[in-house]
């Protein structure tokens, strides 16, 4: 009971975020549709009674006209309801999606590497449709179906109690059938979620713009189509079995329902022959029986079906929202570890931006330490370069600083509980306008002049209103332009810490030196963590740390570390010789043409 009350409170809390006007009009429309549906039954009886006992055609015509107006009003309110239901559904879809996104953002990023977790995300996302069905049913039940069925029961009781009893009993089996459909739907979703995800993934690969060139160049279409067909065949077989079970249950209980209607017709005929009901009542019941059947069939055959499917989806969504996910339950995370947006304060670091104490990190199911006993401090408005070969732990350390990952052990202290932002190595290319791509990092504070200035500073050769996606009728830009745009986005954010992971990886080597000098000017008065494997780029930093195998092995200014002729010097020497060799090769090849 407590769990059910929590679910209801959750739904009501989301409904409060919807347009009050739309919800009120939904409720009012449903109630007025109910009122006019009831008036149709009452008026039908009066019209036929009048027709049976009177030759006053004027009254009969007026009665038929009024009855027609009731039909028009009932259908008009139904159309209005559908319009406002659509508005409420669209609003709620975004609200439920936002709640799901909020939940996902609190979960350890390592969970996304687990199949079971991704299955649960997929089921929760699909469950949003179920949530919408339940909300619409919650509006229809108290304002239409309950008052309508209550009236019909009383109406039939007033005619003869047997009619009311038969009417109630014939729909009990149907309600049981809908519960069986709910159970079947829930089991089906649980058993096919992985197949469903795999089928969608293959379809996205075959039809997606991002993979199209790769598939064409290597002639992989047939292979991927076969894989898609295999996955879809397995999914469709389970789907067909589920639909067959549901159809058989539906047929069985509909036979019972039709038998009940036949019983009502027989009783009405019998009561009329016995003189227990008037011709008006008899005609009203017959005339309204099709309409009543449609209403009942909509509720028990559709609304309860929607509710049963909705409950299956809601359960999946609710289970995900309320579940406490753990990345690795065997690991004890230090109580003082930095979490999203929450910072620990220490008096002795008042002049520092952050401080790491003995921070280590290991990925799930692995004893190998990606970070090993890291101790690091950073001043405000300092540019800190982190240099190291691939696999040194640079990117993992940046994710620790951003709160994306949490250390397996150790403490992190931030002096300011402010906003942190990052341009990661695998940054996203959002299919929006150039302006929106920059504005994204601080969308609550739109400053066109600043956006234009950043566009010029980073040498972005597109207009602010250009849609950066040929797929949607816009234009494509180069990888180097995308990286410049990503950097502009990072600098637009008024964050107290900006992390740049390989910010020049897609920049043309010829342009890199000029671009690095430009970055140095833009770094002024900002707190920057600058990750790179290109040693020459680190010279723009105030301080450099060198990482190797998850440890900090050197630390100091760029000039100091080069003078020491240690690891940083060796890395720079190797890279310089590689560049020199490449230049010689290019000169030779150029000379042969």
Protein backbone atom coordinates (compact mmCIF):
# COMPACT_ATOMS: atom_id res chain seq x y z
CA UNK A 1 0.00 0.00 0.00
CA UNK A 2 2.82 2.41 0.91
CA UNK A 3 4.52 1.67 -2.43
CA UNK A 4 1.30 2.39 -4.33
CA UNK A 5 0.78 5.67 -2.43
CA UNK A 6 4.36 6.69 -3.28
CA UNK A 7 3.68 6.02 -6.95
CA UNK A 8 0.50 8.11 -6.86
CA UNK A 9 2.32 10.96 -5.09
CA UNK A 10 5.06 10.79 -7.72
CA UNK A 11 2.57 11.06 -10.59
CA UNK A 12 0.68 13.91 -8.89
CA UNK A 13 3.94 15.79 -8.32
CA UNK A 14 4.65 15.61 -12.07
CA UNK A 15 1.10 16.63 -12.95
CA UNK A 16 1.57 19.79 -10.91
CA UNK A 17 4.31 20.85 -13.34
CA UNK A 18 1.90 20.67 -16.29
CA UNK A 19 -0.24 23.54 -17.54
CA UNK A 20 -3.06 23.95 -14.99
CA UNK A 21 -5.36 25.17 -17.75
CA UNK A 22 -4.86 22.05 -19.89
CA UNK A 23 -5.45 19.68 -16.96
CA UNK A 24 -8.57 21.52 -15.80
CA UNK A 25 -9.98 21.53 -19.33
CA UNK A 26 -9.23 17.78 -19.63
CA UNK A 27 -11.13 17.10 -16.40
CA UNK A 28 -14.00 19.44 -17.30
CA UNK A 29 -14.26 18.04 -20.82
CA UNK A 30 -14.33 14.43 -19.55
CA UNK A 31 -17.05 15.28 -17.02
CA UNK A 32 -19.20 17.15 -19.55
CA UNK A 33 -18.82 14.26 -22.03
CA UNK A 34 -20.04 11.97 -19.24
CA UNK A 35 -23.01 14.27 -18.45
CA UNK A 36 -24.19 14.42 -22.06
CA UNK A 37 -23.71 10.66 -22.50
CA UNK A 38 -26.04 10.16 -19.53
CA UNK A 39 -28.50 12.70 -20.89
CA UNK A 40 -28.61 10.74 -24.18
CA UNK A 41 -29.85 7.64 -22.34
CA UNK A 42 -32.42 9.57 -20.28
CA UNK A 43 -33.66 11.58 -23.25
CA UNK A 44 -33.90 8.47 -25.44
CA UNK A 45 -36.31 6.91 -22.95
CA UNK A 46 -38.47 10.06 -22.82
CA UNK A 47 -38.57 10.45 -26.61
CA UNK A 48 -39.70 6.86 -27.19
CA UNK A 49 -42.21 7.00 -24.33
CA UNK A 50 -43.64 10.16 -25.87
CA UNK A 51 -43.74 8.47 -29.26
CA UNK A 52 -45.56 5.45 -27.79
CA UNK A 53 -48.30 7.30 -25.97
CA UNK A 54 -48.80 10.52 -27.97
CA UNK A 55 -49.39 11.75 -31.51
CA UNK A 56 -47.98 15.18 -30.71
CA UNK A 57 -45.39 15.26 -33.49
CA UNK A 58 -44.17 18.69 -32.40
CA UNK A 59 -43.03 17.31 -29.02
CA UNK A 60 -41.50 14.29 -30.71
CA UNK A 61 -39.55 16.47 -33.19
CA UNK A 62 -38.34 18.72 -30.37
CA UNK A 63 -37.32 15.65 -28.38
CA UNK A 64 -35.41 14.15 -31.33
CA UNK A 65 -33.73 17.53 -31.96
CA UNK A 66 -32.64 17.81 -28.34
CA UNK A 67 -31.38 14.22 -28.42
CA UNK A 68 -29.35 15.05 -31.54
CA UNK A 69 -27.87 18.09 -29.83
CA UNK A 70 -26.85 15.89 -26.89
CA UNK A 71 -25.05 13.58 -29.34
CA UNK A 72 -23.28 16.55 -30.94
CA UNK A 73 -22.28 17.97 -27.53
CA UNK A 74 -20.99 14.61 -26.30
CA UNK A 75 -18.84 14.09 -29.41
CA UNK A 76 -17.66 17.72 -29.37
CA UNK A 77 -16.40 17.39 -25.81
CA UNK A 78 -14.71 14.12 -26.76
CA UNK A 79 -12.81 15.93 -29.55
CA UNK A 80 -11.86 18.77 -27.19
CA UNK A 81 -10.67 16.19 -24.65
CA UNK A 82 -8.42 14.52 -27.21
CA UNK A 83 -6.84 17.88 -28.04
CA UNK A 84 -6.03 18.73 -24.42
CA UNK A 85 -5.00 15.16 -23.66
CA UNK A 86 -2.40 15.57 -26.41
CA UNK A 87 -1.11 18.78 -24.83
CA UNK A 88 -0.86 17.19 -21.38
CA UNK A 89 0.88 14.11 -22.85
CA UNK A 90 3.49 16.24 -24.62
CA UNK A 91 4.23 18.21 -21.45
CA UNK A 92 4.38 15.10 -19.28
CA UNK A 93 6.67 13.30 -21.72
CA UNK A 94 9.28 16.03 -21.25
CA UNK A 95 8.73 16.08 -17.46
CA UNK A 96 9.17 12.30 -17.12
CA UNK A 97 12.17 12.39 -19.46
CA UNK A 98 13.74 15.15 -17.33
CA UNK A 99 13.19 13.09 -14.16
CA UNK A 100 14.85 10.11 -15.84
CA UNK A 101 17.79 12.28 -16.97
CA UNK A 102 18.17 13.65 -13.41
CA UNK A 103 18.34 10.11 -12.07
CA UNK A 104 20.87 8.99 -14.70
CA UNK A 105 23.11 11.98 -13.89
CA UNK A 106 23.42 10.79 -10.27
CA UNK A 107 24.59 7.29 -11.24
CA UNK A 108 28.24 6.29 -11.35
CA UNK A 109 29.47 6.44 -14.96
CA UNK A 110 30.95 2.96 -14.58
CA UNK A 111 27.43 1.49 -14.48
CA UNK A 112 27.01 2.37 -18.15
CA UNK A 113 29.51 -0.34 -19.02
CA UNK A 114 27.17 -3.05 -17.64
CA UNK A 115 24.65 -4.81 -19.92
CA UNK A 116 22.10 -5.11 -17.12
CA UNK A 117 22.21 -1.38 -16.42
CA UNK A 118 21.76 -0.41 -20.08
CA UNK A 119 18.82 -2.81 -20.29
CA UNK A 120 17.23 -1.07 -17.32
CA UNK A 121 17.77 2.36 -18.91
CA UNK A 122 16.11 1.15 -22.12
CA UNK A 123 13.13 -0.29 -20.21
CA UNK A 124 12.74 2.88 -18.15
CA UNK A 125 12.79 5.03 -21.30
CA UNK A 126 10.13 2.83 -22.95
CA UNK A 127 8.17 2.99 -19.68
CA UNK A 128 7.51 6.71 -20.19
CA UNK A 129 4.71 5.82 -22.65
CA UNK A 130 3.21 3.65 -19.93
CA UNK A 131 3.33 6.55 -17.50
CA UNK A 132 1.41 8.73 -19.96
CA UNK A 133 -1.31 6.10 -20.39
CA UNK A 134 -1.77 5.90 -16.63
CA UNK A 135 -2.02 9.68 -16.21
CA UNK A 136 -4.70 9.97 -18.93
CA UNK A 137 -6.59 7.08 -17.35
CA UNK A 138 -6.35 8.80 -13.95
CA UNK A 139 -8.15 11.78 -15.49
CA UNK A 140 -10.79 9.68 -17.29
CA UNK A 141 -11.65 7.37 -14.39
CA UNK A 142 -12.98 9.88 -11.82
CA UNK A 143 -14.45 12.34 -14.32
CA UNK A 144 -15.99 10.01 -16.90
CA UNK A 145 -16.00 6.26 -16.32
CA UNK A 146 -16.81 6.09 -12.59
CA UNK A 147 -19.77 8.55 -12.72
CA UNK A 148 -20.98 7.02 -16.00
CA UNK A 149 -20.88 3.43 -14.74
CA UNK A 150 -22.44 4.49 -11.43
CA UNK A 151 -25.35 6.09 -13.29
CA UNK A 152 -25.83 3.03 -15.52
CA UNK A 153 -25.89 0.71 -12.53
CA UNK A 154 -28.50 2.87 -10.77
CA UNK A 155 -30.46 3.25 -14.01
CA UNK A 156 -30.64 -0.50 -14.59
CA UNK A 157 -31.44 -1.09 -10.91
CA UNK A 158 -34.33 1.30 -11.29
CA UNK A 159 -35.59 -0.69 -14.30
CA UNK A 160 -35.02 -4.09 -12.78
CA UNK A 161 -32.27 -5.35 -10.42
CA UNK A 162 -31.46 -8.35 -12.62
CA UNK A 163 -30.27 -6.05 -15.41
CA UNK A 164 -27.83 -4.30 -13.08
CA UNK A 165 -26.47 -7.59 -11.74
CA UNK A 166 -25.92 -9.01 -15.25
CA UNK A 167 -24.30 -5.75 -16.39
CA UNK A 168 -21.79 -5.82 -13.52
CA UNK A 169 -21.03 -9.55 -13.75
CA UNK A 170 -20.28 -9.62 -17.50
CA UNK A 171 -17.38 -7.20 -17.10
CA UNK A 172 -15.66 -8.90 -14.15
CA UNK A 173 -14.08 -11.55 -16.43
CA UNK A 174 -12.96 -8.78 -18.79
CA UNK A 175 -11.19 -6.99 -15.95
CA UNK A 176 -9.44 -10.26 -15.04
CA UNK A 177 -8.40 -10.65 -18.67
CA UNK A 178 -6.82 -7.21 -18.66
CA UNK A 179 -4.78 -8.13 -15.58
CA UNK A 180 -3.50 -11.22 -17.40
CA UNK A 181 -2.56 -8.99 -20.36
CA UNK A 182 -0.63 -6.72 -17.98
CA UNK A 183 1.35 -9.65 -16.58
CA UNK A 184 2.09 -10.96 -20.06
CA UNK A 185 3.24 -7.54 -21.29
CA UNK A 186 5.57 -7.05 -18.33
CA UNK A 187 7.19 -10.47 -18.78
CA UNK A 188 7.60 -9.82 -22.50
CA UNK A 189 9.39 -6.48 -21.96
CA UNK A 190 11.71 -8.04 -19.36
CA UNK A 191 12.64 -10.93 -21.64
CA UNK A 192 13.15 -8.98 -24.89
CA UNK A 193 14.76 -5.69 -23.85
CA UNK A 194 18.26 -6.78 -24.95
CA UNK A 195 17.00 -8.04 -28.33
CA UNK A 196 15.05 -4.82 -28.80
CA UNK A 197 18.17 -2.72 -28.10
CA UNK A 198 20.30 -4.84 -30.44
CA UNK A 199 17.75 -4.55 -33.27
CA UNK A 200 17.57 -0.77 -32.88
CA UNK A 201 21.36 -0.52 -32.81
CA UNK A 202 21.73 -2.47 -36.09
CA UNK A 203 19.01 -0.35 -37.72
CA UNK A 204 20.75 2.84 -36.59
CA UNK A 205 24.05 1.60 -38.02
CA UNK A 206 22.46 0.73 -41.39
CA UNK A 207 20.40 3.91 -41.73
CA UNK A 208 22.48 6.40 -39.77
CA UNK A 209 24.42 9.18 -41.46
CA UNK A 210 27.42 8.75 -39.13
CA UNK A 211 28.04 5.15 -40.25
CA UNK A 212 26.86 5.39 -43.85
CA UNK A 213 30.22 6.34 -45.37
CA UNK A 214 32.04 3.60 -43.48
CA UNK A 215 29.52 0.98 -44.61
CA UNK A 216 29.67 2.10 -48.24
CA UNK A 217 33.45 2.23 -48.36
CA UNK A 218 33.81 -1.30 -46.98
CA UNK A 219 30.65 -2.86 -48.48
CA UNK A 220 29.33 -3.98 -45.07
CA UNK A 221 25.62 -3.46 -45.82
CA UNK A 222 24.74 -7.13 -46.43
CA UNK A 223 26.49 -8.29 -43.27
CA UNK A 224 24.76 -5.69 -41.08
CA UNK A 225 21.38 -6.39 -42.71
CA UNK A 226 21.80 -10.09 -41.89
CA UNK A 227 22.69 -9.29 -38.29
CA UNK A 228 19.70 -6.97 -38.05
CA UNK A 229 17.42 -9.65 -39.53
CA UNK A 230 18.69 -12.28 -37.07
CA UNK A 231 18.07 -10.00 -34.10
CA UNK A 232 14.65 -8.87 -35.34
CA UNK A 233 13.57 -12.47 -36.07
CA UNK A 234 14.32 -13.53 -32.49
CA UNK A 235 12.45 -10.49 -31.18
CA UNK A 236 9.44 -10.93 -33.49
CA UNK A 237 9.04 -14.61 -32.55
CA UNK A 238 8.70 -13.68 -28.88
CA UNK A 239 6.42 -10.79 -29.80
CA UNK A 240 4.16 -13.06 -31.88
CA UNK A 241 3.89 -15.60 -29.05
CA UNK A 242 2.98 -12.82 -26.61
CA UNK A 243 0.36 -11.36 -28.98
CA UNK A 244 -1.13 -14.83 -29.57
CA UNK A 245 -1.54 -15.41 -25.82
CA UNK A 246 -3.11 -11.97 -25.37
CA UNK A 247 -5.43 -12.47 -28.38
CA UNK A 248 -6.68 -15.83 -27.07
CA UNK A 249 -7.37 -14.32 -23.65
CA UNK A 250 -9.12 -11.38 -25.35
CA UNK A 251 -11.33 -13.65 -27.46
CA UNK A 252 -12.32 -15.81 -24.49
CA UNK A 253 -13.39 -12.89 -22.34
CA UNK A 254 -15.11 -11.05 -25.21
CA UNK A 255 -17.29 -14.15 -25.77
CA UNK A 256 -18.35 -13.87 -22.14
CA UNK A 257 -19.04 -10.14 -22.62
CA UNK A 258 -21.19 -10.70 -25.71
CA UNK A 259 -23.06 -13.42 -23.81
CA UNK A 260 -23.82 -10.86 -21.14
CA UNK A 261 -25.19 -8.44 -23.73
CA UNK A 262 -27.39 -11.19 -25.13
CA UNK A 263 -28.65 -11.83 -21.60
CA UNK A 264 -29.54 -8.13 -21.20
CA UNK A 265 -31.46 -8.17 -24.52
CA UNK A 266 -33.36 -11.32 -23.52
CA UNK A 267 -34.25 -9.82 -20.13
CA UNK A 268 -35.42 -6.54 -21.68
CA UNK A 269 -37.65 -8.43 -24.17
CA UNK A 270 -39.01 -10.62 -21.38
CA UNK A 271 -39.77 -7.63 -19.11
CA UNK A 272 -41.56 -5.87 -21.97
CA UNK A 273 -43.70 -8.92 -22.73
CA UNK A 274 -44.53 -9.20 -19.04
CA UNK A 275 -45.43 -5.50 -19.02
CA UNK A 276 -42.84 -4.66 -16.37
CA UNK A 277 -41.18 -1.89 -18.41
CA UNK A 278 -42.52 0.70 -20.83
CA UNK A 279 -41.88 0.85 -24.56
CA UNK A 280 -39.72 3.93 -23.90
CA UNK A 281 -37.46 2.05 -21.48
CA UNK A 282 -37.27 -0.90 -23.85
CA UNK A 283 -36.46 1.30 -26.85
CA UNK A 284 -33.97 3.39 -24.84
CA UNK A 285 -32.10 0.28 -23.74
CA UNK A 286 -32.02 -1.15 -27.27
CA UNK A 287 -31.17 2.21 -28.84
CA UNK A 288 -28.45 2.90 -26.31
CA UNK A 289 -27.08 -0.62 -26.11
CA UNK A 290 -24.67 -0.11 -29.01
CA UNK A 291 -23.54 3.21 -27.55
CA UNK A 292 -23.21 1.68 -24.08
CA UNK A 293 -21.32 -1.25 -25.56
CA UNK A 294 -18.90 1.11 -27.29
CA UNK A 295 -18.29 2.99 -24.04
CA UNK A 296 -17.82 -0.23 -22.08
CA UNK A 297 -15.67 -1.72 -24.80
CA UNK A 298 -13.53 1.44 -24.80
CA UNK A 299 -13.06 1.20 -21.05
CA UNK A 300 -12.56 -2.53 -20.62
CA UNK A 301 -11.12 -3.28 -24.03
CA UNK A 302 -9.02 -0.13 -24.45
CA UNK A 303 -8.66 1.92 -21.27
CA UNK A 304 -8.02 -1.09 -19.03
CA UNK A 305 -5.72 -2.41 -21.75
CA UNK A 306 -3.90 0.93 -21.77
CA UNK A 307 -3.77 0.87 -17.97
CA UNK A 308 -2.43 -2.70 -17.92
CA UNK A 309 0.28 -1.84 -20.48
CA UNK A 310 0.85 1.45 -18.68
CA UNK A 311 1.30 -0.30 -15.35
CA UNK A 312 3.89 -2.59 -16.93
CA UNK A 313 5.77 0.43 -18.28
CA UNK A 314 5.30 2.39 -15.05
CA UNK A 315 6.77 -0.46 -13.00
CA UNK A 316 9.89 -0.47 -15.17
CA UNK A 317 10.20 3.33 -14.99
CA UNK A 318 9.49 3.44 -11.25
CA UNK A 319 11.93 0.62 -10.45
CA UNK A 320 14.71 2.53 -12.22
CA UNK A 321 13.88 5.92 -10.66
CA UNK A 322 13.80 4.51 -7.12
CA UNK A 323 16.66 1.99 -7.41
CA UNK A 324 19.92 2.66 -5.61
CA UNK A 325 22.56 1.82 -8.22
CA UNK A 326 26.03 0.84 -7.06
CA UNK A 327 29.04 0.75 -9.35
CA UNK A 328 30.86 -1.80 -7.24
CA UNK A 329 29.26 -2.78 -3.96
CA UNK A 330 32.42 -4.53 -2.77
CA UNK A 331 34.37 -1.26 -2.72
CA UNK A 332 34.08 1.13 0.21
CA UNK A 333 34.05 4.73 -0.98
CA UNK A 334 35.52 7.21 1.48
CA UNK A 335 32.85 9.30 3.23
CA UNK A 336 34.69 12.51 2.31
CA UNK A 337 34.87 11.79 -1.42
CA UNK A 338 33.70 14.67 -3.59
CA UNK A 339 30.25 14.16 -5.12
CA UNK A 340 28.39 16.08 -7.83
CA UNK A 341 28.14 19.77 -6.91
CA UNK A 342 28.98 19.22 -3.22
CA UNK A 343 32.34 20.42 -1.97
CA UNK A 344 34.24 19.95 1.24
CA UNK A 345 35.86 23.08 2.73
CA UNK A 346 39.10 23.29 4.66
CA UNK A 347 40.53 26.56 6.08
CA UNK A 348 44.05 25.70 5.02
CA UNK A 349 43.15 25.68 1.30
CA UNK A 350 41.53 29.12 1.16
CA UNK A 351 43.93 30.21 -1.60
CA UNK A 352 43.58 26.98 -3.57
CA UNK A 353 40.95 25.89 -6.07
CA UNK A 354 41.16 22.21 -5.14
CA UNK A 355 43.26 19.70 -3.27
CA UNK A 356 43.60 15.94 -3.81
CA UNK A 357 44.84 13.72 -0.99
CA UNK A 358 46.00 10.16 -1.72
CA UNK A 359 43.44 9.69 -4.51
CA UNK A 360 43.35 6.28 -6.19
CA UNK A 361 40.94 4.80 -8.69
CA UNK A 362 40.24 1.36 -10.13
CA UNK A 363 37.59 0.41 -12.64
CA UNK A 364 34.95 -2.18 -11.80
CA UNK A 365 36.09 -5.82 -11.44
CA UNK A 366 39.75 -4.81 -11.70
CA UNK A 367 42.45 -4.61 -9.04
CA UNK A 368 44.76 -2.59 -11.32
CA UNK A 369 44.92 1.05 -10.25
CA UNK A 370 44.40 3.55 -13.04
CA UNK A 371 45.30 6.29 -10.54
CA UNK A 372 47.65 5.49 -7.69
CA UNK A 373 47.97 7.74 -4.62
CA UNK A 374 47.61 11.12 -6.38
CA UNK A 375 48.39 14.21 -4.30
CA UNK A 376 47.79 17.48 -6.13
CA UNK A 377 46.92 21.12 -5.43
CA UNK A 378 45.83 23.84 -7.83
CA UNK A 379 45.63 27.61 -7.33
CA UNK A 380 42.80 29.79 -8.53
CA UNK A 381 43.36 31.35 -11.98
CA UNK A 382 46.17 28.91 -12.66
CA UNK A 383 46.74 26.98 -15.89
CA UNK A 384 47.79 23.45 -15.01
CA UNK A 385 49.02 21.14 -17.79
CA UNK A 386 48.81 17.36 -17.31
CA UNK A 387 51.20 15.57 -19.68
CA UNK A 388 51.66 11.87 -20.26
CA UNK A 389 51.57 9.04 -22.77
CA UNK A 390 48.37 7.19 -23.64
CA UNK A 391 47.15 5.19 -20.64
CA UNK A 392 48.99 7.35 -18.11
CA UNK A 393 45.69 8.20 -16.31
CA UNK A 394 45.33 11.80 -17.51
CA UNK A 395 41.71 11.55 -18.67
CA UNK A 396 40.68 9.51 -15.63
CA UNK A 397 42.11 12.21 -13.37
CA UNK A 398 40.14 14.87 -15.26
CA UNK A 399 36.92 12.88 -14.79
CA UNK A 400 37.67 12.64 -11.07
CA UNK A 401 38.04 16.43 -10.91
CA UNK A 402 34.75 16.90 -12.78
CA UNK A 403 32.83 14.51 -10.53
CA UNK A 404 32.10 12.10 -13.41
CA UNK A 405 34.06 9.40 -11.56
CA UNK A 406 34.53 9.00 -7.83
CA UNK A 407 37.81 7.82 -6.34
CA UNK A 408 38.08 4.32 -4.94
CA UNK A 409 39.94 5.90 -2.04
CA UNK A 410 41.27 9.29 -0.99
CA UNK A 411 39.77 12.74 -0.51
CA UNK A 412 38.99 15.70 -2.77
CA UNK A 413 38.44 19.20 -1.44
CA UNK A 414 37.16 22.16 -3.44
CA UNK A 415 37.40 25.69 -2.17
CA UNK A 416 34.36 26.84 -4.18
CA UNK A 417 31.08 25.06 -4.69
CA UNK A 418 30.82 26.39 -8.23
CA UNK A 419 30.22 25.14 -11.73
CA UNK A 420 32.82 22.98 -13.45
CA UNK A 421 32.88 22.44 -17.21
CA UNK A 422 34.93 20.43 -19.68
CA UNK A 423 35.76 19.87 -23.30
CA UNK A 424 36.55 16.17 -23.40
CA UNK A 425 38.61 14.50 -26.09
CA UNK A 426 35.54 12.78 -27.56
CA UNK A 427 33.37 15.89 -27.45
CA UNK A 428 29.87 15.83 -28.88
CA UNK A 429 28.90 17.42 -32.18
CA UNK A 430 25.41 18.75 -31.56
CA UNK A 431 23.17 19.09 -34.61
CA UNK A 432 22.11 22.64 -33.78
CA UNK A 433 23.02 26.12 -34.96
CA UNK A 434 26.50 27.47 -34.32
CA UNK A 435 25.07 29.91 -31.80
CA UNK A 436 23.20 27.18 -29.89
CA UNK A 437 26.33 25.00 -29.85
CA UNK A 438 28.18 27.76 -27.96
CA UNK A 439 25.24 28.97 -25.88
CA UNK A 440 24.67 25.41 -24.65
CA UNK A 441 27.31 25.74 -21.91
CA UNK A 442 25.57 28.70 -20.23
CA UNK A 443 22.12 28.88 -21.85
CA UNK A 444 20.58 30.89 -19.00
CA UNK A 445 22.87 33.84 -19.75
CA UNK A 446 22.63 34.69 -23.44
CA UNK A 447 25.22 37.24 -24.59
CA UNK A 448 25.38 37.61 -28.37
CA UNK A 449 28.38 39.96 -28.29
CA UNK A 450 30.38 37.45 -26.26
CA UNK A 451 29.39 34.59 -28.57
CA UNK A 452 30.51 36.60 -31.61
CA UNK A 453 33.80 37.47 -29.90
CA UNK A 454 34.52 33.80 -29.08
CA UNK A 455 33.65 32.80 -32.64
CA UNK A 456 36.28 35.25 -33.89
CA UNK A 457 38.84 34.37 -31.20
CA UNK A 458 38.74 30.68 -32.12
CA UNK A 459 38.62 31.25 -35.89
CA UNK A 460 35.28 29.58 -36.55
CA UNK A 461 34.36 30.08 -40.20
CA UNK A 462 30.55 29.86 -39.99
CA UNK A 463 27.64 32.19 -39.27
CA UNK A 464 25.83 32.09 -35.93
CA UNK A 465 22.58 30.91 -37.51
CA UNK A 466 24.19 28.15 -39.59
CA UNK A 467 22.71 24.73 -38.79
CA UNK A 468 25.69 22.41 -38.36
CA UNK A 469 24.19 19.28 -39.87
CA UNK A 470 23.76 18.45 -43.54
CA UNK A 471 21.45 15.66 -42.38
CA UNK A 472 18.85 18.26 -41.34
CA UNK A 473 19.36 20.70 -44.19
CA UNK A 474 22.35 22.56 -42.77
CA UNK A 475 26.09 22.31 -43.44
CA UNK A 476 28.95 20.10 -42.33
CA UNK A 477 32.20 21.51 -40.95
CA UNK A 478 35.65 19.98 -40.53
CA UNK A 479 36.91 18.20 -37.42
CA UNK A 480 39.25 21.11 -36.67
CA UNK A 481 36.35 23.58 -36.85
CA UNK A 482 34.31 21.36 -34.52
CA UNK A 483 37.16 21.35 -32.01
CA UNK A 484 37.42 25.14 -32.15
CA UNK A 485 33.68 25.31 -31.62
CA UNK A 486 33.89 22.94 -28.65
CA UNK A 487 36.58 25.16 -27.11
CA UNK A 488 34.46 28.28 -27.66
CA UNK A 489 31.61 26.48 -25.90
CA UNK A 490 33.86 25.69 -22.95
CA UNK A 491 35.09 29.27 -22.64
CA UNK A 492 31.56 30.68 -22.87
CA UNK A 493 30.72 28.93 -19.59
CA UNK A 494 31.44 31.04 -16.49
CA UNK A 495 32.81 28.02 -14.64
CA UNK A 496 35.32 28.14 -11.83
CA UNK A 497 37.20 25.22 -13.39
CA UNK A 498 37.54 24.38 -17.09
CA UNK A 499 39.06 21.03 -18.07
CA UNK A 500 40.42 20.71 -21.62
CA UNK A 501 41.28 17.18 -22.76
CA UNK A 502 43.58 17.22 -25.81
CA UNK A 503 42.18 20.56 -27.07
CA UNK A 504 44.35 20.59 -30.23
CA UNK A 505 44.03 16.94 -31.31
CA UNK A 506 41.98 17.82 -34.43
CA UNK A 507 43.82 21.06 -35.25
CA UNK A 508 46.03 21.12 -38.35
CA UNK A 509 49.69 20.76 -37.18
CA UNK A 510 50.63 23.78 -39.31
CA UNK A 511 48.09 25.89 -37.43
CA UNK A 512 48.77 24.37 -34.02
CA UNK A 513 51.57 26.73 -32.91
CA UNK A 514 49.54 29.81 -33.79
CA UNK A 515 46.48 28.31 -32.11
CA UNK A 516 48.42 27.48 -28.93
CA UNK A 517 49.62 31.09 -28.69
CA UNK A 518 46.01 32.20 -29.07
CA UNK A 519 44.92 29.84 -26.28
CA UNK A 520 47.56 31.31 -23.98
CA UNK A 521 45.95 34.72 -24.35
CA UNK A 522 42.47 33.31 -23.73
CA UNK A 523 43.65 31.40 -20.65
CA UNK A 524 44.25 34.68 -18.81
CA UNK A 525 42.42 34.91 -15.44
CA UNK A 526 40.89 31.44 -15.80
CA UNK A 527 41.38 28.22 -13.86
CA UNK A 528 42.31 25.65 -16.50
CA UNK A 529 43.33 22.01 -16.36
CA UNK A 530 44.92 21.34 -19.73
CA UNK A 531 45.51 17.67 -20.70
CA UNK A 532 47.82 16.82 -23.56
CA UNK A 533 50.30 14.25 -24.81
CA UNK A 534 51.98 16.89 -27.00
CA UNK A 535 54.77 18.24 -24.83
CA UNK A 536 55.23 21.48 -26.78
CA UNK A 537 51.63 22.48 -26.00
CA UNK A 538 52.35 22.40 -22.26
CA UNK A 539 54.62 25.45 -22.42
CA UNK A 540 51.58 27.76 -22.22
CA UNK A 541 50.78 26.42 -18.71
CA UNK A 542 51.81 28.02 -15.41
CA UNK A 543 52.67 24.59 -14.05
CA UNK A 544 53.11 21.11 -15.54
CA UNK A 545 52.66 17.67 -14.02
CA UNK A 546 53.86 14.55 -15.83
CA UNK A 547 51.98 11.29 -15.31
CA UNK A 548 53.09 7.74 -15.94
CA UNK A 549 51.16 4.55 -15.04
CA UNK A 550 48.68 6.40 -12.84
CA UNK A 551 51.26 8.33 -10.82
CA UNK A 552 52.61 11.89 -10.85
CA UNK A 553 56.30 11.47 -11.65
CA UNK A 554 57.33 15.10 -12.30
CA UNK A 555 55.98 18.52 -11.36
CA UNK A 556 57.11 22.10 -11.96
CA UNK A 557 57.13 24.85 -14.58
CA UNK A 558 57.77 23.87 -18.17
CA UNK A 559 61.21 25.53 -18.13
CA UNK A 560 62.18 23.78 -14.88
CA UNK A 561 61.22 20.32 -16.14
CA UNK A 562 63.01 20.79 -19.47
CA UNK A 563 66.12 21.98 -17.62
CA UNK A 564 66.02 18.86 -15.40
CA UNK A 565 66.22 16.72 -18.55
CA UNK A 566 63.89 14.14 -17.03
CA UNK A 567 60.80 12.41 -18.44
CA UNK A 568 59.22 15.57 -19.92
CA UNK A 569 62.50 16.40 -21.68
CA UNK A 570 62.74 12.84 -23.07
CA UNK A 571 59.14 12.98 -24.35
CA UNK A 572 59.79 16.32 -26.03
CA UNK A 573 63.02 15.02 -27.59
CA UNK A 574 61.25 11.96 -29.02
CA UNK A 575 58.37 14.03 -30.40
CA UNK A 576 60.78 16.58 -31.90
CA UNK A 577 62.74 13.85 -33.67
CA UNK A 578 59.50 12.26 -34.95
CA UNK A 579 58.40 15.64 -36.34
CA UNK A 580 61.83 16.23 -37.87
CA UNK A 581 61.80 12.80 -39.52
CA UNK A 582 58.30 13.46 -40.90
CA UNK A 583 59.45 16.79 -42.35
CA UNK A 584 62.46 15.16 -44.05
CA UNK A 585 60.19 12.45 -45.53
CA UNK A 586 57.81 15.08 -46.86
CA UNK A 587 60.69 17.01 -48.44
CA UNK A 588 62.00 13.89 -50.17
CA UNK A 589 58.55 12.93 -51.46
CA UNK A 590 58.02 16.48 -52.64
CA UNK A 591 61.30 16.32 -54.51
CA UNK A 592 60.33 13.22 -56.47
CA UNK A 593 57.36 14.85 -58.14
